[in-house]
Amino acid sequence: MSTATVPLDRLVSWLGGYRDAVIEQRAYLTELDSAIGDADHGANMARGMTAVMDKLGAGVPATADELFKSVGMTLVTSVGGASGPLYGTFFLRMGMSAGAIAEFDGAALAAALRAGLDGIVARGKAEAGDKTMFDALAPGLGAFDAALAEGASPAEAAAAAATAAEAGRDATKPWVARKGRASYLGERSAGHLDPGAASSALLLRCLADALGSS
């Protein structure tokens, strides 16, 4: 089993990388959302993550619980639509799981990410196949857990998670949405990637990039 750990500043780098990625892909995420949603997902995520990093620029908390509480509350208050509450809940639950620590081992990071996903499920009631962010995050975190069980480092597990999440994202394209704004379209939602799955897969890819750059 790997004894590698992830310091808190590496996770701040993850958040900064995600901010940069959603800004870069803002038009793409909005294009996805224009097909089956409200055409604002890219703008919402870019605004929310910019607010997060602006807040952290004024001072990064010393412990994981305070860091992710700050991130979650900033997203809840700055992002419109469903994305703010869902992503906000994800990070709030991560902080609650982690507690007052300054670095994560693989098991603690896996538990925090899983708690975040559980929070999304509790708030959004999504299940596998509903064509939501769950369909990227759930296989991604399953791959994270499986990699750790085989002795992978957190960076290696994150890389496996990102690949699995991207496959989960791509799998949503032919499906008919059963949750959220897209579900109102019925059969017309088929043939389009889910924007929430796209931004969620991007979140895990940015985690892999941040951990792999150490």
N, C-alpha and C. Protein backbone atom coordinates (compact mmCIF):
# COMPACT_ATOMS: atom_id res chain seq x y z
N MET A 1 0.85 -1.20 0.00
CA MET A 1 0.00 0.00 0.00
C MET A 1 0.88 1.25 0.00
N SER A 2 0.50 2.21 -0.80
CA SER A 2 1.29 3.44 -0.89
C SER A 2 1.18 4.25 0.39
N THR A 3 2.31 4.84 0.79
CA THR A 3 2.32 5.72 1.97
C THR A 3 2.36 7.19 1.57
N ALA A 4 2.21 7.47 0.28
CA ALA A 4 2.25 8.86 -0.19
C ALA A 4 1.09 9.65 0.40
N THR A 5 1.34 10.92 0.68
CA THR A 5 0.30 11.79 1.21
C THR A 5 0.14 13.02 0.32
N VAL A 6 -0.98 13.68 0.51
CA VAL A 6 -1.32 14.87 -0.29
C VAL A 6 -1.44 16.06 0.66
N PRO A 7 -0.52 17.01 0.60
CA PRO A 7 -0.63 18.19 1.46
C PRO A 7 -1.75 19.11 0.99
N LEU A 8 -2.20 19.93 1.90
CA LEU A 8 -3.34 20.80 1.60
C LEU A 8 -3.04 21.75 0.45
N ASP A 9 -1.80 22.21 0.33
CA ASP A 9 -1.52 23.16 -0.75
C ASP A 9 -1.66 22.52 -2.12
N ARG A 10 -1.50 21.18 -2.19
CA ARG A 10 -1.72 20.49 -3.45
C ARG A 10 -3.19 20.51 -3.84
N LEU A 11 -4.06 20.46 -2.84
CA LEU A 11 -5.49 20.52 -3.13
C LEU A 11 -5.93 21.94 -3.46
N VAL A 12 -5.24 22.92 -2.91
CA VAL A 12 -5.50 24.30 -3.35
C VAL A 12 -5.08 24.46 -4.82
N SER A 13 -4.00 23.81 -5.20
CA SER A 13 -3.59 23.81 -6.61
C SER A 13 -4.64 23.14 -7.48
N TRP A 14 -5.24 22.09 -6.97
CA TRP A 14 -6.35 21.43 -7.68
C TRP A 14 -7.48 22.42 -7.94
N LEU A 15 -7.87 23.15 -6.93
CA LEU A 15 -8.97 24.11 -7.08
C LEU A 15 -8.60 25.21 -8.08
N GLY A 16 -7.35 25.67 -8.01
CA GLY A 16 -6.91 26.69 -8.96
C GLY A 16 -6.89 26.17 -10.39
N GLY A 17 -6.46 24.92 -10.54
CA GLY A 17 -6.45 24.32 -11.86
C GLY A 17 -7.85 24.13 -12.41
N TYR A 18 -8.78 23.79 -11.52
CA TYR A 18 -10.17 23.64 -11.95
C TYR A 18 -10.76 24.99 -12.35
N ARG A 19 -10.44 26.02 -11.59
CA ARG A 19 -10.87 27.36 -11.98
C ARG A 19 -10.40 27.70 -13.39
N ASP A 20 -9.12 27.44 -13.64
CA ASP A 20 -8.57 27.74 -14.97
C ASP A 20 -9.25 26.91 -16.05
N ALA A 21 -9.52 25.64 -15.74
CA ALA A 21 -10.12 24.74 -16.73
C ALA A 21 -11.54 25.13 -17.08
N VAL A 22 -12.34 25.50 -16.08
CA VAL A 22 -13.73 25.85 -16.40
C VAL A 22 -13.80 27.20 -17.11
N ILE A 23 -12.84 28.08 -16.83
CA ILE A 23 -12.79 29.32 -17.61
C ILE A 23 -12.43 29.01 -19.06
N GLU A 24 -11.44 28.15 -19.24
CA GLU A 24 -11.02 27.78 -20.59
C GLU A 24 -12.14 27.08 -21.35
N GLN A 25 -12.91 26.26 -20.65
CA GLN A 25 -13.95 25.48 -21.30
C GLN A 25 -15.35 26.06 -21.08
N ARG A 26 -15.40 27.30 -20.68
CA ARG A 26 -16.70 27.93 -20.39
C ARG A 26 -17.64 27.85 -21.59
N ALA A 27 -17.16 28.18 -22.76
CA ALA A 27 -18.02 28.16 -23.95
C ALA A 27 -18.49 26.75 -24.27
N TYR A 28 -17.59 25.77 -24.10
CA TYR A 28 -17.95 24.38 -24.38
C TYR A 28 -19.01 23.88 -23.40
N LEU A 29 -18.82 24.15 -22.11
CA LEU A 29 -19.81 23.71 -21.12
C LEU A 29 -21.15 24.39 -21.35
N THR A 30 -21.13 25.65 -21.75
CA THR A 30 -22.37 26.36 -22.03
C THR A 30 -23.03 25.81 -23.28
N GLU A 31 -22.21 25.43 -24.26
CA GLU A 31 -22.76 24.82 -25.47
C GLU A 31 -23.49 23.52 -25.14
N LEU A 32 -22.86 22.70 -24.30
CA LEU A 32 -23.53 21.47 -23.87
C LEU A 32 -24.84 21.78 -23.17
N ASP A 33 -24.81 22.79 -22.31
CA ASP A 33 -25.99 23.13 -21.52
C ASP A 33 -27.07 23.79 -22.38
N SER A 34 -26.66 24.43 -23.46
CA SER A 34 -27.66 25.08 -24.32
C SER A 34 -28.52 24.05 -25.03
N ALA A 35 -27.98 22.83 -25.20
CA ALA A 35 -28.73 21.78 -25.89
C ALA A 35 -29.81 21.18 -25.00
N ILE A 36 -29.51 21.02 -23.71
CA ILE A 36 -30.47 20.30 -22.84
C ILE A 36 -30.70 21.00 -21.51
N GLY A 37 -30.21 22.23 -21.36
CA GLY A 37 -30.37 22.92 -20.08
C GLY A 37 -30.69 24.39 -20.26
N ASP A 38 -30.13 25.21 -19.39
CA ASP A 38 -30.42 26.64 -19.39
C ASP A 38 -29.33 27.49 -20.02
N ALA A 39 -28.35 26.83 -20.64
CA ALA A 39 -27.28 27.53 -21.37
C ALA A 39 -26.45 28.45 -20.47
N ASP A 40 -26.26 28.03 -19.20
CA ASP A 40 -25.49 28.88 -18.29
C ASP A 40 -24.46 28.11 -17.46
N HIS A 41 -24.28 26.82 -17.73
CA HIS A 41 -23.42 26.02 -16.87
C HIS A 41 -21.97 26.49 -16.90
N GLY A 42 -21.47 26.78 -18.10
CA GLY A 42 -20.10 27.25 -18.20
C GLY A 42 -19.89 28.56 -17.47
N ALA A 43 -20.79 29.50 -17.70
CA ALA A 43 -20.67 30.80 -17.04
C ALA A 43 -20.80 30.66 -15.53
N ASN A 44 -21.73 29.83 -15.08
CA ASN A 44 -21.92 29.64 -13.65
C ASN A 44 -20.68 29.05 -12.98
N MET A 45 -20.12 28.00 -13.59
CA MET A 45 -18.96 27.35 -12.99
C MET A 45 -17.74 28.27 -13.01
N ALA A 46 -17.57 29.01 -14.10
CA ALA A 46 -16.44 29.94 -14.16
C ALA A 46 -16.58 31.02 -13.09
N ARG A 47 -17.78 31.55 -12.92
CA ARG A 47 -18.00 32.57 -11.91
C ARG A 47 -17.76 32.00 -10.51
N GLY A 48 -18.28 30.81 -10.26
CA GLY A 48 -18.14 30.22 -8.94
C GLY A 48 -16.71 29.91 -8.57
N MET A 49 -15.96 29.31 -9.49
CA MET A 49 -14.59 28.96 -9.17
C MET A 49 -13.68 30.19 -9.12
N THR A 50 -14.01 31.21 -9.88
CA THR A 50 -13.27 32.47 -9.75
C THR A 50 -13.49 33.06 -8.37
N ALA A 51 -14.73 33.01 -7.90
CA ALA A 51 -15.02 33.51 -6.55
C ALA A 51 -14.29 32.70 -5.49
N VAL A 52 -14.22 31.38 -5.69
CA VAL A 52 -13.51 30.52 -4.75
C VAL A 52 -12.04 30.93 -4.65
N MET A 53 -11.39 31.07 -5.78
CA MET A 53 -9.96 31.39 -5.75
C MET A 53 -9.70 32.81 -5.30
N ASP A 54 -10.63 33.72 -5.57
CA ASP A 54 -10.51 35.07 -5.02
C ASP A 54 -10.56 35.03 -3.50
N LYS A 55 -11.45 34.21 -2.97
CA LYS A 55 -11.58 34.08 -1.52
C LYS A 55 -10.31 33.47 -0.92
N LEU A 56 -9.78 32.45 -1.57
CA LEU A 56 -8.58 31.81 -1.06
C LEU A 56 -7.36 32.70 -1.22
N GLY A 57 -7.40 33.60 -2.19
CA GLY A 57 -6.31 34.54 -2.36
C GLY A 57 -6.14 35.48 -1.18
N ALA A 58 -7.22 35.64 -0.42
CA ALA A 58 -7.16 36.48 0.77
C ALA A 58 -6.63 35.73 1.98
N GLY A 59 -6.40 34.44 1.81
CA GLY A 59 -5.88 33.63 2.91
C GLY A 59 -6.41 32.21 2.85
N VAL A 60 -5.51 31.23 2.78
CA VAL A 60 -5.91 29.83 2.70
C VAL A 60 -6.02 29.26 4.12
N PRO A 61 -7.14 28.66 4.48
CA PRO A 61 -7.27 28.03 5.80
C PRO A 61 -6.20 26.96 6.01
N ALA A 62 -5.88 26.71 7.25
CA ALA A 62 -4.80 25.79 7.59
C ALA A 62 -5.24 24.34 7.65
N THR A 63 -6.54 24.10 7.68
CA THR A 63 -7.04 22.73 7.80
C THR A 63 -8.06 22.44 6.71
N ALA A 64 -8.20 21.16 6.39
CA ALA A 64 -9.06 20.74 5.29
C ALA A 64 -10.52 21.08 5.55
N ASP A 65 -10.98 20.92 6.78
CA ASP A 65 -12.39 21.21 7.04
C ASP A 65 -12.71 22.67 6.78
N GLU A 66 -11.82 23.57 7.18
CA GLU A 66 -12.06 24.99 6.95
C GLU A 66 -11.89 25.35 5.48
N LEU A 67 -10.92 24.73 4.81
CA LEU A 67 -10.73 24.99 3.38
C LEU A 67 -11.97 24.63 2.59
N PHE A 68 -12.45 23.43 2.76
CA PHE A 68 -13.57 22.98 1.93
C PHE A 68 -14.91 23.58 2.37
N LYS A 69 -15.00 23.98 3.63
CA LYS A 69 -16.17 24.75 4.05
C LYS A 69 -16.20 26.08 3.32
N SER A 70 -15.06 26.74 3.22
CA SER A 70 -14.97 28.02 2.51
C SER A 70 -15.33 27.84 1.04
N VAL A 71 -14.77 26.80 0.42
CA VAL A 71 -15.05 26.53 -0.99
C VAL A 71 -16.54 26.27 -1.20
N GLY A 72 -17.10 25.39 -0.37
CA GLY A 72 -18.50 25.03 -0.53
C GLY A 72 -19.44 26.20 -0.34
N MET A 73 -19.21 26.98 0.70
CA MET A 73 -20.10 28.11 0.95
C MET A 73 -19.98 29.17 -0.14
N THR A 74 -18.78 29.35 -0.67
CA THR A 74 -18.60 30.32 -1.76
C THR A 74 -19.37 29.88 -3.00
N LEU A 75 -19.33 28.60 -3.32
CA LEU A 75 -20.05 28.11 -4.49
C LEU A 75 -21.56 28.22 -4.29
N VAL A 76 -22.03 27.89 -3.11
CA VAL A 76 -23.47 27.97 -2.84
C VAL A 76 -23.98 29.40 -3.03
N THR A 77 -23.17 30.36 -2.62
CA THR A 77 -23.63 31.75 -2.65
C THR A 77 -23.33 32.47 -3.96
N SER A 78 -22.49 31.89 -4.82
CA SER A 78 -22.09 32.61 -6.02
C SER A 78 -22.52 31.96 -7.33
N VAL A 79 -23.01 30.73 -7.27
CA VAL A 79 -23.38 30.01 -8.49
C VAL A 79 -24.88 29.82 -8.56
N GLY A 80 -25.46 30.17 -9.69
CA GLY A 80 -26.89 30.02 -9.87
C GLY A 80 -27.28 28.61 -10.28
N GLY A 81 -28.57 28.38 -10.37
CA GLY A 81 -29.08 27.10 -10.81
C GLY A 81 -28.79 25.99 -9.83
N ALA A 82 -28.76 24.76 -10.35
CA ALA A 82 -28.51 23.60 -9.50
C ALA A 82 -27.02 23.43 -9.18
N SER A 83 -26.16 23.99 -10.01
CA SER A 83 -24.73 23.72 -9.86
C SER A 83 -24.18 24.21 -8.54
N GLY A 84 -24.58 25.38 -8.08
CA GLY A 84 -24.07 25.92 -6.82
C GLY A 84 -24.36 25.01 -5.65
N PRO A 85 -25.63 24.66 -5.41
CA PRO A 85 -25.93 23.77 -4.30
C PRO A 85 -25.26 22.40 -4.42
N LEU A 86 -25.19 21.85 -5.63
CA LEU A 86 -24.63 20.51 -5.78
C LEU A 86 -23.12 20.52 -5.58
N TYR A 87 -22.41 21.39 -6.27
CA TYR A 87 -20.96 21.46 -6.08
C TYR A 87 -20.63 21.98 -4.68
N GLY A 88 -21.42 22.91 -4.19
CA GLY A 88 -21.20 23.41 -2.84
C GLY A 88 -21.32 22.31 -1.81
N THR A 89 -22.35 21.48 -1.95
CA THR A 89 -22.54 20.36 -1.04
C THR A 89 -21.39 19.37 -1.14
N PHE A 90 -20.92 19.14 -2.36
CA PHE A 90 -19.79 18.23 -2.56
C PHE A 90 -18.59 18.66 -1.70
N PHE A 91 -18.22 19.92 -1.78
CA PHE A 91 -17.05 20.38 -1.04
C PHE A 91 -17.32 20.51 0.46
N LEU A 92 -18.53 20.91 0.83
CA LEU A 92 -18.85 20.97 2.25
C LEU A 92 -18.73 19.60 2.90
N ARG A 93 -19.24 18.59 2.21
CA ARG A 93 -19.17 17.23 2.75
C ARG A 93 -17.73 16.71 2.76
N MET A 94 -16.95 17.11 1.78
CA MET A 94 -15.53 16.74 1.80
C MET A 94 -14.87 17.27 3.07
N GLY A 95 -15.14 18.52 3.40
CA GLY A 95 -14.56 19.11 4.59
C GLY A 95 -15.02 18.43 5.87
N MET A 96 -16.30 18.10 5.93
CA MET A 96 -16.83 17.43 7.11
C MET A 96 -16.17 16.07 7.30
N SER A 97 -15.93 15.37 6.20
CA SER A 97 -15.29 14.05 6.27
C SER A 97 -13.83 14.17 6.69
N ALA A 98 -13.14 15.16 6.14
CA ALA A 98 -11.71 15.27 6.37
C ALA A 98 -11.36 15.69 7.78
N GLY A 99 -12.09 16.66 8.32
CA GLY A 99 -11.78 17.19 9.63
C GLY A 99 -10.59 18.13 9.60
N ALA A 100 -10.02 18.37 10.77
CA ALA A 100 -8.97 19.38 10.92
C ALA A 100 -7.60 18.79 10.65
N ILE A 101 -7.39 18.37 9.39
CA ILE A 101 -6.10 17.81 8.99
C ILE A 101 -5.43 18.75 7.98
N ALA A 102 -4.13 18.61 7.84
CA ALA A 102 -3.38 19.45 6.90
C ALA A 102 -2.83 18.65 5.72
N GLU A 103 -2.98 17.33 5.77
CA GLU A 103 -2.61 16.50 4.64
C GLU A 103 -3.45 15.23 4.66
N PHE A 104 -3.60 14.64 3.48
CA PHE A 104 -4.43 13.45 3.31
C PHE A 104 -3.56 12.26 2.92
N ASP A 105 -3.84 11.10 3.49
CA ASP A 105 -3.35 9.88 2.85
C ASP A 105 -4.41 9.44 1.84
N GLY A 106 -4.14 8.40 1.11
CA GLY A 106 -5.06 7.98 0.07
C GLY A 106 -6.44 7.65 0.60
N ALA A 107 -6.49 6.95 1.72
CA ALA A 107 -7.78 6.54 2.28
C ALA A 107 -8.61 7.74 2.72
N ALA A 108 -7.96 8.73 3.32
CA ALA A 108 -8.69 9.92 3.77
C ALA A 108 -9.22 10.72 2.59
N LEU A 109 -8.41 10.81 1.53
CA LEU A 109 -8.87 11.54 0.35
C LEU A 109 -10.02 10.80 -0.32
N ALA A 110 -9.92 9.49 -0.40
CA ALA A 110 -11.01 8.70 -0.99
C ALA A 110 -12.29 8.87 -0.17
N ALA A 111 -12.16 8.86 1.15
CA ALA A 111 -13.34 9.00 2.01
C ALA A 111 -13.97 10.38 1.85
N ALA A 112 -13.13 11.40 1.73
CA ALA A 112 -13.66 12.76 1.58
C ALA A 112 -14.39 12.91 0.24
N LEU A 113 -13.79 12.39 -0.82
CA LEU A 113 -14.44 12.46 -2.13
C LEU A 113 -15.75 11.69 -2.13
N ARG A 114 -15.75 10.53 -1.49
CA ARG A 114 -16.98 9.72 -1.42
C ARG A 114 -18.06 10.45 -0.61
N ALA A 115 -17.65 11.11 0.46
CA ALA A 115 -18.63 11.88 1.24
C ALA A 115 -19.21 13.00 0.40
N GLY A 116 -18.37 13.61 -0.45
CA GLY A 116 -18.87 14.64 -1.35
C GLY A 116 -19.92 14.10 -2.30
N LEU A 117 -19.65 12.94 -2.87
CA LEU A 117 -20.62 12.32 -3.79
C LEU A 117 -21.90 11.96 -3.04
N ASP A 118 -21.76 11.43 -1.84
CA ASP A 118 -22.96 11.10 -1.05
C ASP A 118 -23.80 12.34 -0.80
N GLY A 119 -23.14 13.48 -0.60
CA GLY A 119 -23.87 14.72 -0.41
C GLY A 119 -24.65 15.13 -1.65
N ILE A 120 -24.03 14.94 -2.81
CA ILE A 120 -24.72 15.23 -4.07
C ILE A 120 -25.95 14.34 -4.23
N VAL A 121 -25.80 13.06 -3.90
CA VAL A 121 -26.92 12.13 -4.00
C VAL A 121 -28.04 12.54 -3.05
N ALA A 122 -27.66 12.91 -1.82
CA ALA A 122 -28.67 13.30 -0.84
C ALA A 122 -29.44 14.53 -1.30
N ARG A 123 -28.75 15.46 -1.95
CA ARG A 123 -29.40 16.70 -2.38
C ARG A 123 -30.15 16.52 -3.70
N GLY A 124 -29.54 15.82 -4.64
CA GLY A 124 -30.13 15.74 -5.98
C GLY A 124 -30.90 14.48 -6.28
N LYS A 125 -30.77 13.46 -5.42
CA LYS A 125 -31.48 12.18 -5.57
C LYS A 125 -31.15 11.46 -6.87
N ALA A 126 -29.99 11.73 -7.43
CA ALA A 126 -29.62 11.10 -8.70
C ALA A 126 -29.12 9.68 -8.48
N GLU A 127 -29.35 8.86 -9.49
CA GLU A 127 -28.88 7.48 -9.50
C GLU A 127 -28.14 7.23 -10.81
N ALA A 128 -27.46 6.10 -10.88
CA ALA A 128 -26.75 5.74 -12.11
C ALA A 128 -27.74 5.67 -13.26
N GLY A 129 -27.35 6.27 -14.38
CA GLY A 129 -28.18 6.24 -15.57
C GLY A 129 -29.16 7.38 -15.70
N ASP A 130 -29.17 8.29 -14.72
CA ASP A 130 -30.10 9.44 -14.79
C ASP A 130 -29.59 10.54 -15.71
N LYS A 131 -28.35 10.41 -16.18
CA LYS A 131 -27.72 11.42 -17.05
C LYS A 131 -27.45 12.70 -16.26
N THR A 132 -26.61 12.56 -15.23
CA THR A 132 -26.24 13.68 -14.37
C THR A 132 -24.75 13.58 -14.03
N MET A 133 -24.29 14.48 -13.20
CA MET A 133 -22.91 14.47 -12.75
C MET A 133 -22.56 13.18 -12.01
N PHE A 134 -23.57 12.53 -11.42
CA PHE A 134 -23.34 11.26 -10.74
C PHE A 134 -22.71 10.24 -11.68
N ASP A 135 -23.11 10.27 -12.94
CA ASP A 135 -22.65 9.26 -13.89
C ASP A 135 -21.18 9.42 -14.27
N ALA A 136 -20.58 10.55 -13.96
CA ALA A 136 -19.13 10.71 -14.09
C ALA A 136 -18.43 10.47 -12.76
N LEU A 137 -18.98 11.04 -11.69
CA LEU A 137 -18.32 10.95 -10.39
C LEU A 137 -18.32 9.54 -9.81
N ALA A 138 -19.43 8.83 -9.94
CA ALA A 138 -19.52 7.51 -9.31
C ALA A 138 -18.51 6.52 -9.89
N PRO A 139 -18.43 6.36 -11.20
CA PRO A 139 -17.38 5.46 -11.72
C PRO A 139 -15.98 5.99 -11.45
N GLY A 140 -15.83 7.31 -11.46
CA GLY A 140 -14.53 7.87 -11.15
C GLY A 140 -14.06 7.51 -9.75
N LEU A 141 -14.93 7.67 -8.77
CA LEU A 141 -14.54 7.36 -7.40
C LEU A 141 -14.44 5.86 -7.18
N GLY A 142 -15.22 5.08 -7.92
CA GLY A 142 -15.05 3.63 -7.87
C GLY A 142 -13.67 3.22 -8.33
N ALA A 143 -13.20 3.86 -9.40
CA ALA A 143 -11.85 3.58 -9.89
C ALA A 143 -10.78 4.05 -8.92
N PHE A 144 -11.03 5.17 -8.26
CA PHE A 144 -10.10 5.68 -7.24
C PHE A 144 -9.94 4.65 -6.13
N ASP A 145 -11.07 4.15 -5.62
CA ASP A 145 -11.04 3.17 -4.54
C ASP A 145 -10.33 1.89 -4.98
N ALA A 146 -10.64 1.43 -6.20
CA ALA A 146 -10.05 0.18 -6.70
C ALA A 146 -8.54 0.31 -6.86
N ALA A 147 -8.09 1.47 -7.34
CA ALA A 147 -6.66 1.68 -7.51
C ALA A 147 -5.94 1.69 -6.16
N LEU A 148 -6.53 2.36 -5.18
CA LEU A 148 -5.92 2.37 -3.85
C LEU A 148 -5.83 0.96 -3.27
N ALA A 149 -6.88 0.17 -3.49
CA ALA A 149 -6.89 -1.19 -2.96
C ALA A 149 -5.78 -2.05 -3.57
N GLU A 150 -5.33 -1.68 -4.76
CA GLU A 150 -4.25 -2.40 -5.42
C GLU A 150 -2.88 -1.82 -5.09
N GLY A 151 -2.85 -0.83 -4.18
CA GLY A 151 -1.58 -0.28 -3.75
C GLY A 151 -1.14 0.99 -4.45
N ALA A 152 -2.02 1.59 -5.24
CA ALA A 152 -1.66 2.80 -5.97
C ALA A 152 -1.49 3.98 -5.02
N SER A 153 -0.70 4.95 -5.46
CA SER A 153 -0.57 6.21 -4.75
C SER A 153 -1.81 7.06 -4.99
N PRO A 154 -2.03 8.11 -4.20
CA PRO A 154 -3.16 9.00 -4.47
C PRO A 154 -3.11 9.58 -5.89
N ALA A 155 -1.92 9.92 -6.39
CA ALA A 155 -1.80 10.47 -7.73
C ALA A 155 -2.21 9.44 -8.78
N GLU A 156 -1.76 8.20 -8.59
CA GLU A 156 -2.13 7.13 -9.54
C GLU A 156 -3.63 6.84 -9.47
N ALA A 157 -4.18 6.86 -8.27
CA ALA A 157 -5.61 6.62 -8.11
C ALA A 157 -6.43 7.74 -8.75
N ALA A 158 -5.95 8.97 -8.62
CA ALA A 158 -6.64 10.10 -9.23
C ALA A 158 -6.62 10.01 -10.75
N ALA A 159 -5.51 9.54 -11.32
CA ALA A 159 -5.43 9.37 -12.76
C ALA A 159 -6.44 8.32 -13.23
N ALA A 160 -6.55 7.22 -12.49
CA ALA A 160 -7.53 6.19 -12.83
C ALA A 160 -8.94 6.75 -12.71
N ALA A 161 -9.17 7.56 -11.68
CA ALA A 161 -10.49 8.15 -11.47
C ALA A 161 -10.87 9.07 -12.62
N ALA A 162 -9.93 9.87 -13.08
CA ALA A 162 -10.21 10.80 -14.17
C ALA A 162 -10.59 10.07 -15.44
N THR A 163 -9.85 9.01 -15.75
CA THR A 163 -10.14 8.23 -16.95
C THR A 163 -11.52 7.59 -16.87
N ALA A 164 -11.86 7.03 -15.71
CA ALA A 164 -13.17 6.40 -15.54
C ALA A 164 -14.28 7.44 -15.58
N ALA A 165 -14.04 8.61 -15.02
CA ALA A 165 -15.06 9.67 -15.04
C ALA A 165 -15.31 10.15 -16.46
N GLU A 166 -14.26 10.25 -17.25
CA GLU A 166 -14.43 10.68 -18.64
C GLU A 166 -15.21 9.65 -19.44
N ALA A 167 -14.98 8.37 -19.16
CA ALA A 167 -15.78 7.33 -19.81
C ALA A 167 -17.24 7.42 -19.37
N GLY A 168 -17.45 7.71 -18.08
CA GLY A 168 -18.81 7.88 -17.59
C GLY A 168 -19.50 9.07 -18.22
N ARG A 169 -18.77 10.16 -18.36
CA ARG A 169 -19.30 11.34 -19.05
C ARG A 169 -19.73 10.99 -20.48
N ASP A 170 -18.85 10.32 -21.20
CA ASP A 170 -19.15 10.00 -22.60
C ASP A 170 -20.34 9.06 -22.73
N ALA A 171 -20.51 8.21 -21.72
CA ALA A 171 -21.62 7.26 -21.76
C ALA A 171 -22.98 7.94 -21.66
N THR A 172 -23.02 9.17 -21.15
CA THR A 172 -24.31 9.84 -20.98
C THR A 172 -24.91 10.31 -22.30
N LYS A 173 -24.12 10.36 -23.35
CA LYS A 173 -24.59 10.99 -24.60
C LYS A 173 -25.86 10.36 -25.15
N PRO A 174 -25.96 9.04 -25.28
CA PRO A 174 -27.18 8.49 -25.89
C PRO A 174 -28.36 8.38 -24.94
N TRP A 175 -28.18 8.66 -23.68
CA TRP A 175 -29.22 8.41 -22.70
C TRP A 175 -30.30 9.49 -22.72
N VAL A 176 -31.47 9.10 -22.24
CA VAL A 176 -32.56 10.04 -21.99
C VAL A 176 -32.46 10.49 -20.53
N ALA A 177 -32.43 11.79 -20.33
CA ALA A 177 -32.26 12.33 -18.97
C ALA A 177 -33.48 12.03 -18.10
N ARG A 178 -33.20 11.67 -16.85
CA ARG A 178 -34.28 11.38 -15.91
C ARG A 178 -34.30 12.34 -14.72
N LYS A 179 -33.33 13.26 -14.67
CA LYS A 179 -33.27 14.23 -13.57
C LYS A 179 -32.92 15.60 -14.14
N GLY A 180 -33.29 16.64 -13.39
CA GLY A 180 -32.88 17.99 -13.73
C GLY A 180 -33.63 18.59 -14.91
N ARG A 181 -33.13 19.73 -15.33
CA ARG A 181 -33.75 20.48 -16.41
C ARG A 181 -33.84 19.66 -17.69
N ALA A 182 -32.81 18.85 -17.96
CA ALA A 182 -32.77 18.06 -19.19
C ALA A 182 -33.90 17.04 -19.25
N SER A 183 -34.38 16.60 -18.08
CA SER A 183 -35.44 15.57 -18.08
C SER A 183 -36.74 16.09 -18.68
N TYR A 184 -36.92 17.42 -18.70
CA TYR A 184 -38.13 17.98 -19.29
C TYR A 184 -38.20 17.74 -20.80
N LEU A 185 -37.05 17.49 -21.40
CA LEU A 185 -37.00 17.30 -22.85
C LEU A 185 -37.34 15.89 -23.28
N GLY A 186 -37.37 14.96 -22.34
CA GLY A 186 -37.69 13.59 -22.68
C GLY A 186 -36.69 13.02 -23.69
N GLU A 187 -37.22 12.40 -24.74
CA GLU A 187 -36.38 11.75 -25.73
C GLU A 187 -35.42 12.73 -26.42
N ARG A 188 -35.76 14.00 -26.44
CA ARG A 188 -34.90 14.98 -27.11
C ARG A 188 -33.59 15.22 -26.37
N SER A 189 -33.51 14.73 -25.13
CA SER A 189 -32.25 14.88 -24.39
C SER A 189 -31.21 13.86 -24.84
N ALA A 190 -31.63 12.82 -25.55
CA ALA A 190 -30.69 11.82 -26.06
C ALA A 190 -29.82 12.45 -27.16
N GLY A 191 -28.58 11.99 -27.24
CA GLY A 191 -27.68 12.49 -28.27
C GLY A 191 -26.83 13.66 -27.82
N HIS A 192 -26.91 14.01 -26.54
CA HIS A 192 -26.14 15.14 -26.00
C HIS A 192 -25.43 14.71 -24.73
N LEU A 193 -24.18 15.13 -24.57
CA LEU A 193 -23.48 14.91 -23.32
C LEU A 193 -24.13 15.73 -22.21
N ASP A 194 -24.14 15.18 -21.01
CA ASP A 194 -24.66 15.94 -19.88
C ASP A 194 -23.61 16.95 -19.42
N PRO A 195 -23.95 18.23 -19.32
CA PRO A 195 -22.96 19.23 -18.93
C PRO A 195 -22.43 19.04 -17.52
N GLY A 196 -23.27 18.59 -16.61
CA GLY A 196 -22.79 18.33 -15.25
C GLY A 196 -21.80 17.19 -15.20
N ALA A 197 -22.03 16.16 -16.00
CA ALA A 197 -21.07 15.06 -16.09
C ALA A 197 -19.76 15.56 -16.69
N ALA A 198 -19.86 16.48 -17.64
CA ALA A 198 -18.65 17.03 -18.26
C ALA A 198 -17.83 17.84 -17.26
N SER A 199 -18.48 18.70 -16.49
CA SER A 199 -17.72 19.50 -15.52
C SER A 199 -17.22 18.65 -14.37
N SER A 200 -17.92 17.56 -14.05
CA SER A 200 -17.47 16.66 -12.98
C SER A 200 -16.26 15.85 -13.42
N ALA A 201 -16.28 15.37 -14.66
CA ALA A 201 -15.12 14.66 -15.18
C ALA A 201 -13.91 15.59 -15.22
N LEU A 202 -14.15 16.83 -15.56
CA LEU A 202 -13.08 17.83 -15.58
C LEU A 202 -12.51 18.04 -14.17
N LEU A 203 -13.37 18.01 -13.17
CA LEU A 203 -12.94 18.17 -11.78
C LEU A 203 -11.94 17.08 -11.40
N LEU A 204 -12.25 15.84 -11.77
CA LEU A 204 -11.35 14.74 -11.42
C LEU A 204 -10.10 14.74 -12.29
N ARG A 205 -10.20 15.18 -13.53
CA ARG A 205 -8.99 15.31 -14.36
C ARG A 205 -8.06 16.36 -13.76
N CYS A 206 -8.61 17.44 -13.27
CA CYS A 206 -7.79 18.48 -12.65
C CYS A 206 -7.16 17.98 -11.37
N LEU A 207 -7.86 17.13 -10.62
CA LEU A 207 -7.26 16.51 -9.43
C LEU A 207 -6.07 15.64 -9.83
N ALA A 208 -6.25 14.84 -10.87
CA ALA A 208 -5.15 14.01 -11.34
C ALA A 208 -3.96 14.86 -11.77
N ASP A 209 -4.24 15.94 -12.47
CA ASP A 209 -3.16 16.82 -12.92
C ASP A 209 -2.43 17.44 -11.73
N ALA A 210 -3.19 17.87 -10.74
CA ALA A 210 -2.57 18.52 -9.58
C ALA A 210 -1.71 17.54 -8.77
N LEU A 211 -2.21 16.33 -8.57
CA LEU A 211 -1.44 15.35 -7.79
C LEU A 211 -0.28 14.80 -8.59
N GLY A 212 -0.45 14.72 -9.90
CA GLY A 212 0.61 14.17 -10.73
C GLY A 212 1.75 15.12 -10.97
N SER A 213 1.54 16.40 -10.66
CA SER A 213 2.57 17.40 -10.92
C SER A 213 3.53 17.56 -9.75
N SER A 214 3.28 16.82 -8.68
CA SER A 214 4.12 16.97 -7.48
C SER A 214 5.45 16.24 -7.65
